């Protein structure tokens, strides 16, 4: 299995710290509002990475945090005259609901920054003792030049960074030893929440939060650290500096970053009027369509969101769902008791099916190429649609059906419709509609069809009778 490592800027064979175990940390959202579709991309991408590791038999410890104290959270709390914890807990709950709708599995641990303050104080103390950090007027700074490898992830030269800071004047900057030093702990401002520390009543800087939460739940060294490419600098660069300075060991062996998400070829921003939350997209499309869309491109590529591309994704997902529905229909019609040996043609189909699964695996093991993996699923769909009938051996139909569901599940794609009503109720209404049609009571027949459609059920009149499937 090869993973593109941002640190080395090349694909590398994945070798875990412990055999068949993966320790993985993914930076989560700052919870001051509903998550937006930019937040959704890393959630979906790295959930899929996790699912593939589990499909291959790895035990994955997957940690993804919630940043529940931040300037934006404080601002929101002041606007709504609420406590910051009320704001963060509200939006953690909403984020988890959206993640469930996107079929993102809950992390092994979802730590919150405010619950790990003691660990942050301890790591900052360690950094001060080792000469990597210093305190000025209640603020603690990381001494950036004390870490010789600073810039190794982002490939930024520290002297170039300093040149870029020379003409920037920021309040409080003058007390730093070096303009490049970053904050580990800052004193509270009037009305802000705070925690006691040896330096001041205040709160941690953003970067130290992830270093400490990763250390607590995964250890000093982890296999994979992941997030959006906007986090490479300064967040992940600073995480490396403080973690490796404190722990004296390589922080993460592999760094994975997903590409940016644009809206109609423009950067997503509120000022452009093209900023969408997951909840807003869910009002137009089933969120499984958004997941399918996100996986239709390689995770490192920039991804452009548009209604046209979402419609194309909806059609693609519907094609898979319809194939699954048809296979269910064929299984009901096929002779399950038939134990005759498979014909050569049937054996050839199974061999072809196995080849498509192999190509699926190869795509995923080549830096998680979900776009090619989806193409392999479509190949199986085509194989089933063009070769299987009710006269096909049950075991052949069932094997195709199971394989599509298995590979879709690896990608977190729900290919089987969730039934919200009892089949018997639907069948009874369909039978009533058939009777109405025979009696030429077309008004009643149309009424029943409309009622079923409003419940998300599509009817299809065929020579064999009426078939139905779920639309959502």
Protein backbone atom coordinates (compact mmCIF):
# COMPACT_ATOMS: atom_id res chain seq x y z
CA UNK A 1 0.00 0.00 0.00
CA UNK A 2 1.46 3.35 -1.07
CA UNK A 3 0.62 6.71 0.53
CA UNK A 4 1.70 10.13 -0.70
CA UNK A 5 3.63 11.60 2.22
CA UNK A 6 3.53 15.42 2.28
CA UNK A 7 6.71 15.33 4.37
CA UNK A 8 8.80 13.62 1.66
CA UNK A 9 6.60 14.74 -1.26
CA UNK A 10 6.49 11.25 -2.73
CA UNK A 11 4.50 8.03 -2.52
CA UNK A 12 5.87 5.66 0.08
CA UNK A 13 5.11 2.09 1.05
CA UNK A 14 3.02 2.16 4.21
CA UNK A 15 4.80 0.42 7.07
CA UNK A 16 2.96 0.77 10.42
CA UNK A 17 4.71 1.23 13.74
CA UNK A 18 2.97 -1.92 14.97
CA UNK A 19 2.05 -4.71 12.57
CA UNK A 20 -1.60 -4.55 11.44
CA UNK A 21 -2.29 -1.51 13.63
CA UNK A 22 -2.78 2.09 12.54
CA UNK A 23 -2.65 5.14 14.81
CA UNK A 24 -4.28 8.02 12.96
CA UNK A 25 -5.00 11.62 13.95
CA UNK A 26 -7.22 13.91 11.86
CA UNK A 27 -7.70 17.58 12.71
CA UNK A 28 -11.39 18.24 13.34
CA UNK A 29 -13.52 21.39 13.06
CA UNK A 30 -13.72 24.47 15.25
CA UNK A 31 -17.28 24.29 16.55
CA UNK A 32 -18.84 27.74 16.38
CA UNK A 33 -21.29 27.05 13.54
CA UNK A 34 -22.63 24.24 11.36
CA UNK A 35 -19.86 22.44 9.49
CA UNK A 36 -19.44 23.56 5.89
CA UNK A 37 -18.71 21.43 2.85
CA UNK A 38 -15.02 22.35 3.09
CA UNK A 39 -15.00 20.67 6.54
CA UNK A 40 -16.81 17.70 5.04
CA UNK A 41 -14.09 16.82 2.54
CA UNK A 42 -11.39 15.71 5.05
CA UNK A 43 -14.06 14.02 7.16
CA UNK A 44 -15.18 11.90 4.19
CA UNK A 45 -11.71 11.34 2.72
CA UNK A 46 -10.02 10.15 5.89
CA UNK A 47 -13.05 8.17 7.05
CA UNK A 48 -12.64 6.29 3.74
CA UNK A 49 -8.93 5.78 4.40
CA UNK A 50 -9.83 4.35 7.79
CA UNK A 51 -12.49 2.08 6.26
CA UNK A 52 -10.01 0.69 3.74
CA UNK A 53 -7.46 -0.10 6.43
CA UNK A 54 -10.18 -1.93 8.38
CA UNK A 55 -11.28 -3.80 5.22
CA UNK A 56 -7.64 -4.97 4.91
CA UNK A 57 -7.66 -6.26 8.48
CA UNK A 58 -5.90 -3.41 10.32
CA UNK A 59 -6.94 -2.32 13.80
CA UNK A 60 -7.35 1.44 13.48
CA UNK A 61 -7.28 3.85 16.40
CA UNK A 62 -8.78 6.95 14.83
CA UNK A 63 -8.67 10.22 16.78
CA UNK A 64 -10.36 13.38 15.51
CA UNK A 65 -10.73 16.38 17.81
CA UNK A 66 -13.20 19.18 18.27
CA UNK A 67 -11.64 22.61 18.84
CA UNK A 68 -14.09 23.89 21.44
CA UNK A 69 -12.30 27.05 22.57
CA UNK A 70 -11.27 29.66 20.01
CA UNK A 71 -11.69 33.36 19.18
CA UNK A 72 -14.62 32.57 16.86
CA UNK A 73 -16.39 30.55 19.56
CA UNK A 74 -15.86 33.35 22.07
CA UNK A 75 -17.19 35.92 19.59
CA UNK A 76 -20.28 33.78 18.88
CA UNK A 77 -20.91 33.29 22.61
CA UNK A 78 -20.74 37.04 23.24
CA UNK A 79 -23.13 37.74 20.35
CA UNK A 80 -25.66 35.26 21.72
CA UNK A 81 -25.03 36.14 25.41
CA UNK A 82 -24.18 32.52 26.14
CA UNK A 83 -21.34 30.59 27.71
CA UNK A 84 -18.70 29.33 25.25
CA UNK A 85 -19.34 25.75 26.37
CA UNK A 86 -23.01 26.08 25.38
CA UNK A 87 -22.01 27.23 21.88
CA UNK A 88 -19.42 24.49 21.41
CA UNK A 89 -21.65 21.70 22.76
CA UNK A 90 -24.50 22.82 20.51
CA UNK A 91 -22.33 22.68 17.39
CA UNK A 92 -20.54 19.48 18.38
CA UNK A 93 -23.97 17.87 18.50
CA UNK A 94 -24.87 19.35 15.10
CA UNK A 95 -21.52 18.29 13.62
CA UNK A 96 -22.03 14.70 14.79
CA UNK A 97 -25.49 14.69 13.21
CA UNK A 98 -24.06 15.88 9.87
CA UNK A 99 -21.25 13.33 10.09
CA UNK A 100 -23.79 10.57 10.62
CA UNK A 101 -25.75 11.79 7.57
CA UNK A 102 -22.51 11.68 5.56
CA UNK A 103 -21.96 8.12 6.84
CA UNK A 104 -18.74 9.16 8.59
CA UNK A 105 -17.99 6.64 11.33
CA UNK A 106 -17.53 8.05 14.85
CA UNK A 107 -13.85 8.35 15.76
CA UNK A 108 -12.38 5.95 18.30
CA UNK A 109 -12.02 9.12 20.39
CA UNK A 110 -13.38 12.63 19.75
CA UNK A 111 -11.35 14.66 22.28
CA UNK A 112 -12.25 18.25 23.13
CA UNK A 113 -9.52 20.79 23.67
CA UNK A 114 -11.05 22.13 26.90
CA UNK A 115 -10.87 18.67 28.51
CA UNK A 116 -7.12 18.34 27.89
CA UNK A 117 -5.83 21.60 29.42
CA UNK A 118 -3.72 19.82 32.07
CA UNK A 119 -1.84 17.93 29.38
CA UNK A 120 -1.21 21.15 27.48
CA UNK A 121 0.21 22.86 30.57
CA UNK A 122 2.45 19.82 31.15
CA UNK A 123 3.80 19.85 27.57
CA UNK A 124 4.40 23.61 27.69
CA UNK A 125 6.33 23.15 30.95
CA UNK A 126 8.46 20.48 29.27
CA UNK A 127 9.20 22.81 26.37
CA UNK A 128 10.22 25.61 28.75
CA UNK A 129 12.49 23.24 30.72
CA UNK A 130 14.18 22.12 27.49
CA UNK A 131 14.75 25.68 26.35
CA UNK A 132 12.26 25.49 23.46
CA UNK A 133 9.78 27.95 25.00
CA UNK A 134 9.77 31.09 27.17
CA UNK A 135 7.29 33.26 29.05
CA UNK A 136 6.75 37.02 28.65
CA UNK A 137 4.06 38.88 30.60
CA UNK A 138 1.91 35.78 31.00
CA UNK A 139 2.25 34.65 27.36
CA UNK A 140 4.33 31.58 26.53
CA UNK A 141 6.02 31.43 23.12
CA UNK A 142 7.68 28.55 21.27
CA UNK A 143 11.27 29.44 20.37
CA UNK A 144 11.01 28.52 16.68
CA UNK A 145 14.74 28.68 15.88
CA UNK A 146 15.43 26.19 18.68
CA UNK A 147 13.98 23.49 16.42
CA UNK A 148 16.49 23.00 13.57
CA UNK A 149 14.03 21.16 11.29
CA UNK A 150 11.40 23.91 11.29
CA UNK A 151 9.88 24.13 7.80
CA UNK A 152 10.49 20.49 6.83
CA UNK A 153 6.79 19.77 6.19
CA UNK A 154 5.85 22.96 4.34
CA UNK A 155 9.31 23.28 2.67
CA UNK A 156 9.48 26.89 3.86
CA UNK A 157 12.87 28.39 4.57
CA UNK A 158 12.99 29.98 8.01
CA UNK A 159 15.04 32.95 6.77
CA UNK A 160 12.48 33.66 4.05
CA UNK A 161 9.73 33.51 6.65
CA UNK A 162 11.57 36.02 8.84
CA UNK A 163 11.98 38.40 5.89
CA UNK A 164 8.24 38.26 5.36
CA UNK A 165 7.63 39.26 8.99
CA UNK A 166 9.92 42.30 9.10
CA UNK A 167 7.38 44.89 8.04
CA UNK A 168 4.41 43.37 9.88
CA UNK A 169 3.60 45.09 13.16
CA UNK A 170 1.16 43.22 15.41
CA UNK A 171 0.22 44.21 18.96
CA UNK A 172 2.33 42.23 21.41
CA UNK A 173 4.86 41.16 18.76
CA UNK A 174 7.55 43.36 20.26
CA UNK A 175 7.85 41.14 23.35
CA UNK A 176 8.83 38.10 21.29
CA UNK A 177 12.48 37.13 21.06
CA UNK A 178 11.91 36.41 17.37
CA UNK A 179 9.01 37.41 15.08
CA UNK A 180 8.62 33.74 14.05
CA UNK A 181 7.96 32.50 17.60
CA UNK A 182 4.37 31.33 18.06
CA UNK A 183 2.01 31.26 21.04
CA UNK A 184 1.63 28.23 23.30
CA UNK A 185 -0.34 29.98 26.06
CA UNK A 186 -2.01 33.40 26.15
CA UNK A 187 -3.53 35.44 29.00
CA UNK A 188 -7.26 35.96 29.04
CA UNK A 189 -8.92 39.16 27.90
CA UNK A 190 -11.81 40.75 29.77
CA UNK A 191 -14.88 38.50 29.70
CA UNK A 192 -13.09 35.52 28.16
CA UNK A 193 -13.07 32.00 29.64
CA UNK A 194 -9.77 31.01 31.26
CA UNK A 195 -7.85 28.28 33.03
CA UNK A 196 -5.26 28.60 35.76
CA UNK A 197 -1.65 28.05 34.73
CA UNK A 198 1.85 28.79 36.14
CA UNK A 199 2.10 31.78 33.76
CA UNK A 200 -1.33 33.45 33.76
CA UNK A 201 -5.05 32.91 33.81
CA UNK A 202 -5.62 32.16 30.15
CA UNK A 203 -5.98 29.51 27.48
CA UNK A 204 -3.79 27.46 25.15
CA UNK A 205 -2.77 28.34 21.62
CA UNK A 206 -4.38 26.33 18.84
CA UNK A 207 -1.30 24.35 17.77
CA UNK A 208 -0.48 22.89 21.20
CA UNK A 209 -4.01 21.47 21.48
CA UNK A 210 -3.59 18.90 18.69
CA UNK A 211 -0.07 17.90 19.80
CA UNK A 212 -1.34 17.08 23.27
CA UNK A 213 -4.52 15.28 22.20
CA UNK A 214 -2.55 13.14 19.74
CA UNK A 215 0.04 12.30 22.42
CA UNK A 216 -2.58 11.34 25.00
CA UNK A 217 -4.65 9.03 22.83
CA UNK A 218 -2.09 7.72 20.33
CA UNK A 219 1.34 8.08 21.95
CA UNK A 220 4.44 10.14 21.19
CA UNK A 221 4.69 8.74 17.66
CA UNK A 222 1.80 8.03 15.29
CA UNK A 223 1.43 6.45 11.87
CA UNK A 224 -0.67 9.05 10.04
CA UNK A 225 -1.55 12.67 10.69
CA UNK A 226 -4.11 14.10 8.28
CA UNK A 227 -6.14 17.18 7.42
CA UNK A 228 -6.80 19.77 4.73
CA UNK A 229 -3.82 21.21 2.85
CA UNK A 230 -4.57 24.63 4.37
CA UNK A 231 -3.30 23.18 7.67
CA UNK A 232 0.20 22.32 6.39
CA UNK A 233 1.47 25.75 7.43
CA UNK A 234 1.50 26.94 10.08
CA UNK A 235 -0.63 24.46 12.05
CA UNK A 236 0.96 21.14 11.17
CA UNK A 237 4.43 22.65 10.90
CA UNK A 238 4.07 24.01 14.42
CA UNK A 239 2.69 20.71 15.69
CA UNK A 240 5.80 18.95 14.43
CA UNK A 241 8.11 21.50 16.06
CA UNK A 242 6.54 21.41 19.51
CA UNK A 243 5.82 17.65 19.56
CA UNK A 244 9.28 16.57 18.43
CA UNK A 245 10.98 19.15 20.66
CA UNK A 246 9.03 17.86 23.68
CA UNK A 247 9.07 14.12 22.96
CA UNK A 248 12.44 13.63 21.17
CA UNK A 249 10.92 11.33 18.56
CA UNK A 250 9.50 11.71 15.04
CA UNK A 251 5.91 12.88 15.53
CA UNK A 252 4.12 11.30 12.55
CA UNK A 253 5.58 8.94 9.95
CA UNK A 254 3.09 9.88 7.21
CA UNK A 255 1.36 13.20 6.57
CA UNK A 256 -1.75 13.19 4.36
CA UNK A 257 -3.53 16.31 3.09
CA UNK A 258 -6.63 16.68 0.94
CA UNK A 259 -6.89 19.36 -1.74
CA UNK A 260 -9.02 22.49 -1.62
CA UNK A 261 -12.72 22.59 -2.42
CA UNK A 262 -13.86 25.36 -4.79
CA UNK A 263 -17.41 26.43 -5.58
CA UNK A 264 -18.12 27.00 -9.29
CA UNK A 265 -14.35 27.43 -9.79
CA UNK A 266 -14.08 30.06 -7.04
CA UNK A 267 -12.68 29.80 -3.53
CA UNK A 268 -15.48 29.27 -1.03
CA UNK A 269 -16.08 32.40 1.08
CA UNK A 270 -18.97 34.19 2.71
CA UNK A 271 -18.07 37.43 0.92
CA UNK A 272 -18.46 35.67 -2.46
CA UNK A 273 -21.86 34.36 -1.40
CA UNK A 274 -20.79 30.79 -2.20
CA UNK A 275 -20.39 29.48 1.34
CA UNK A 276 -22.50 26.37 1.99
CA UNK A 277 -23.00 24.32 5.11
CA UNK A 278 -23.52 20.57 4.91
CA UNK A 279 -27.01 21.15 6.28
CA UNK A 280 -27.84 23.51 3.38
CA UNK A 281 -26.62 21.01 0.79
CA UNK A 282 -28.72 18.36 2.52
CA UNK A 283 -31.83 20.40 1.70
CA UNK A 284 -31.13 19.94 -2.02
CA UNK A 285 -29.51 16.51 -2.18
CA UNK A 286 -29.30 13.37 -0.06
CA UNK A 287 -25.96 13.71 1.72
CA UNK A 288 -24.89 10.33 0.33
CA UNK A 289 -24.70 12.17 -3.01
CA UNK A 290 -22.26 14.68 -1.45
CA UNK A 291 -20.10 11.82 -0.18
CA UNK A 292 -20.18 10.13 -3.61
CA UNK A 293 -19.22 13.45 -5.22
CA UNK A 294 -16.29 13.96 -2.83
CA UNK A 295 -14.93 10.49 -3.62
CA UNK A 296 -15.30 10.89 -7.38
CA UNK A 297 -11.98 12.76 -7.50
CA UNK A 298 -8.59 11.91 -6.02
CA UNK A 299 -8.35 13.33 -2.52
CA UNK A 300 -5.20 15.37 -3.25
CA UNK A 301 -6.74 17.05 -6.30
CA UNK A 302 -8.58 20.36 -6.06
CA UNK A 303 -12.30 19.65 -6.24
CA UNK A 304 -14.87 21.94 -7.84
CA UNK A 305 -18.40 21.87 -6.42
CA UNK A 306 -21.30 22.75 -8.72
CA UNK A 307 -24.94 21.77 -9.19
CA UNK A 308 -24.05 20.10 -12.49
CA UNK A 309 -21.41 17.89 -10.88
CA UNK A 310 -23.73 17.07 -7.98
CA UNK A 311 -26.43 16.02 -10.45
CA UNK A 312 -23.91 13.80 -12.22
CA UNK A 313 -22.97 12.26 -8.86
CA UNK A 314 -26.63 11.70 -8.03
CA UNK A 315 -27.13 9.91 -11.34
CA UNK A 316 -24.04 7.77 -10.73
CA UNK A 317 -25.16 6.79 -7.24
CA UNK A 318 -28.69 6.07 -8.51
CA UNK A 319 -27.21 3.75 -11.13
CA UNK A 320 -25.48 1.71 -8.42
CA UNK A 321 -28.59 1.67 -6.23
CA UNK A 322 -30.78 0.56 -9.10
CA UNK A 323 -28.38 -2.31 -9.86
CA UNK A 324 -28.51 -3.40 -6.22
CA UNK A 325 -32.30 -3.21 -6.26
CA UNK A 326 -32.44 -5.26 -9.47
CA UNK A 327 -30.17 -7.91 -7.96
CA UNK A 328 -32.47 -8.13 -4.92
CA UNK A 329 -35.38 -8.62 -7.31
CA UNK A 330 -33.49 -11.34 -9.22
CA UNK A 331 -32.58 -13.14 -5.99
CA UNK A 332 -36.27 -13.31 -5.06
CA UNK A 333 -37.05 -14.77 -8.49
CA UNK A 334 -34.09 -17.16 -8.71
CA UNK A 335 -34.16 -20.76 -7.54
CA UNK A 336 -32.21 -20.74 -4.30
CA UNK A 337 -32.50 -24.56 -4.01
CA UNK A 338 -30.76 -25.20 -7.31
CA UNK A 339 -27.43 -26.82 -6.45
CA UNK A 340 -26.33 -27.75 -9.95
CA UNK A 341 -22.64 -27.10 -10.72
CA UNK A 342 -21.94 -23.69 -12.18
CA UNK A 343 -21.54 -23.49 -15.92
CA UNK A 344 -18.29 -22.36 -17.52
CA UNK A 345 -19.97 -19.04 -18.39
CA UNK A 346 -20.97 -18.51 -14.75
CA UNK A 347 -17.45 -19.37 -13.57
CA UNK A 348 -16.04 -16.88 -16.07
CA UNK A 349 -18.34 -14.18 -14.67
CA UNK A 350 -17.10 -14.91 -11.15
CA UNK A 351 -13.52 -14.68 -12.38
CA UNK A 352 -14.28 -11.35 -14.05
CA UNK A 353 -15.92 -10.15 -10.81
CA UNK A 354 -12.78 -11.11 -8.88
CA UNK A 355 -10.70 -9.11 -11.35
CA UNK A 356 -12.80 -6.01 -10.74
CA UNK A 357 -12.33 -6.37 -6.98
CA UNK A 358 -8.58 -6.72 -7.51
CA UNK A 359 -8.57 -3.49 -9.52
CA UNK A 360 -10.60 -1.82 -6.76
CA UNK A 361 -7.95 -2.86 -4.23
CA UNK A 362 -5.12 -1.73 -6.50
CA UNK A 363 -6.73 1.70 -6.90
CA UNK A 364 -7.12 2.12 -3.16
CA UNK A 365 -3.60 0.92 -2.45
CA UNK A 366 -2.23 3.48 -4.90
CA UNK A 367 -2.65 6.42 -2.52
CA UNK A 368 -6.40 5.83 -2.05
CA UNK A 369 -7.53 6.57 -5.60
CA UNK A 370 -11.26 6.51 -4.88
CA UNK A 371 -12.13 7.75 -8.37
CA UNK A 372 -10.65 4.59 -9.95
CA UNK A 373 -12.15 2.47 -7.15
CA UNK A 374 -15.62 3.79 -8.03
CA UNK A 375 -14.94 2.94 -11.70
CA UNK A 376 -14.34 -0.67 -10.61
CA UNK A 377 -17.72 -0.70 -8.86
CA UNK A 378 -19.36 0.59 -12.05
CA UNK A 379 -17.65 -2.26 -13.94
CA UNK A 380 -19.32 -4.75 -11.59
CA UNK A 381 -22.66 -2.96 -12.03
CA UNK A 382 -22.30 -3.28 -15.82
CA UNK A 383 -21.29 -6.93 -15.48
CA UNK A 384 -24.42 -7.65 -13.44
CA UNK A 385 -26.78 -5.61 -15.61
CA UNK A 386 -25.67 -7.22 -18.87
CA UNK A 387 -25.31 -10.84 -17.76
CA UNK A 388 -27.74 -11.71 -14.99
CA UNK A 389 -31.39 -12.71 -15.26
CA UNK A 390 -33.88 -14.49 -13.02
CA UNK A 391 -32.62 -17.73 -14.62
CA UNK A 392 -29.04 -17.10 -13.46
CA UNK A 393 -27.75 -19.27 -10.59
CA UNK A 394 -28.75 -17.80 -7.25
CA UNK A 395 -25.19 -18.04 -5.92
CA UNK A 396 -23.93 -15.99 -8.88
CA UNK A 397 -26.53 -13.26 -8.32
CA UNK A 398 -25.89 -13.23 -4.57
CA UNK A 399 -22.11 -13.05 -5.02
CA UNK A 400 -22.42 -10.03 -7.35
CA UNK A 401 -24.86 -8.38 -4.93
CA UNK A 402 -22.63 -8.96 -1.89
CA UNK A 403 -19.54 -7.69 -3.71
CA UNK A 404 -21.15 -4.40 -4.73
CA UNK A 405 -22.37 -3.82 -1.18
CA UNK A 406 -18.97 -4.72 0.28
CA UNK A 407 -16.96 -2.38 -1.93
CA UNK A 408 -19.48 0.43 -1.56
CA UNK A 409 -19.27 0.01 2.21
CA UNK A 410 -15.47 0.36 2.06
CA UNK A 411 -16.11 3.78 0.50
CA UNK A 412 -18.90 4.56 2.98
CA UNK A 413 -21.46 4.58 0.15
CA UNK A 414 -24.88 3.24 1.10
CA UNK A 415 -25.91 1.28 -1.98
CA UNK A 416 -28.90 -0.44 -0.41
CA UNK A 417 -32.00 1.63 0.14
CA UNK A 418 -33.08 2.03 3.75
CA UNK A 419 -36.68 0.94 3.97
CA UNK A 420 -38.74 3.36 6.02
CA UNK A 421 -42.11 1.63 5.58
CA UNK A 422 -43.13 -1.99 5.81
CA UNK A 423 -42.98 -3.89 2.53
CA UNK A 424 -46.45 -5.31 3.20
CA UNK A 425 -47.95 -1.82 3.40
CA UNK A 426 -46.38 -0.85 0.09
CA UNK A 427 -47.42 -4.09 -1.62
CA UNK A 428 -50.99 -3.60 -0.37
CA UNK A 429 -51.15 -0.07 -1.84
CA UNK A 430 -49.68 -1.31 -5.15
CA UNK A 431 -52.29 -4.08 -5.29
CA UNK A 432 -55.02 -1.54 -4.59
CA UNK A 433 -53.66 0.63 -7.41
CA UNK A 434 -53.72 -2.32 -9.82
CA UNK A 435 -57.35 -3.00 -8.96
CA UNK A 436 -58.20 0.69 -9.50
CA UNK A 437 -56.53 0.63 -12.92
CA UNK A 438 -58.45 -2.49 -13.97
CA UNK A 439 -61.66 -0.78 -12.94
CA UNK A 440 -60.52 2.32 -14.91
CA UNK A 441 -60.51 4.37 -11.71
CA UNK A 442 -57.45 6.27 -12.88
CA UNK A 443 -57.96 9.09 -10.39
CA UNK A 444 -57.59 6.62 -7.50
CA UNK A 445 -54.62 4.92 -9.19
CA UNK A 446 -52.87 8.26 -9.63
CA UNK A 447 -53.68 9.21 -6.04
CA UNK A 448 -51.97 6.04 -4.76
CA UNK A 449 -48.96 6.59 -7.01
CA UNK A 450 -48.63 10.17 -5.74
CA UNK A 451 -48.93 9.00 -2.14
CA UNK A 452 -46.16 6.43 -2.66
CA UNK A 453 -43.98 8.97 -4.46
CA UNK A 454 -44.31 11.41 -1.56
CA UNK A 455 -43.05 8.62 0.70
CA UNK A 456 -39.99 8.23 -1.54
CA UNK A 457 -41.18 5.20 -3.53
CA UNK A 458 -40.85 4.91 -7.31
CA UNK A 459 -43.11 2.53 -9.23
CA UNK A 460 -41.99 0.84 -12.43
CA UNK A 461 -44.55 -0.93 -14.61
CA UNK A 462 -42.95 -3.95 -16.33
CA UNK A 463 -44.19 -6.96 -18.29
CA UNK A 464 -43.66 -9.06 -15.17
CA UNK A 465 -45.74 -6.69 -13.05
CA UNK A 466 -45.19 -3.61 -10.92
CA UNK A 467 -41.79 -3.17 -9.27
CA UNK A 468 -40.94 -0.53 -6.72
CA UNK A 469 -37.84 1.03 -5.20
CA UNK A 470 -36.90 3.75 -2.75
CA UNK A 471 -35.96 7.13 -4.19
CA UNK A 472 -34.10 8.39 -1.10
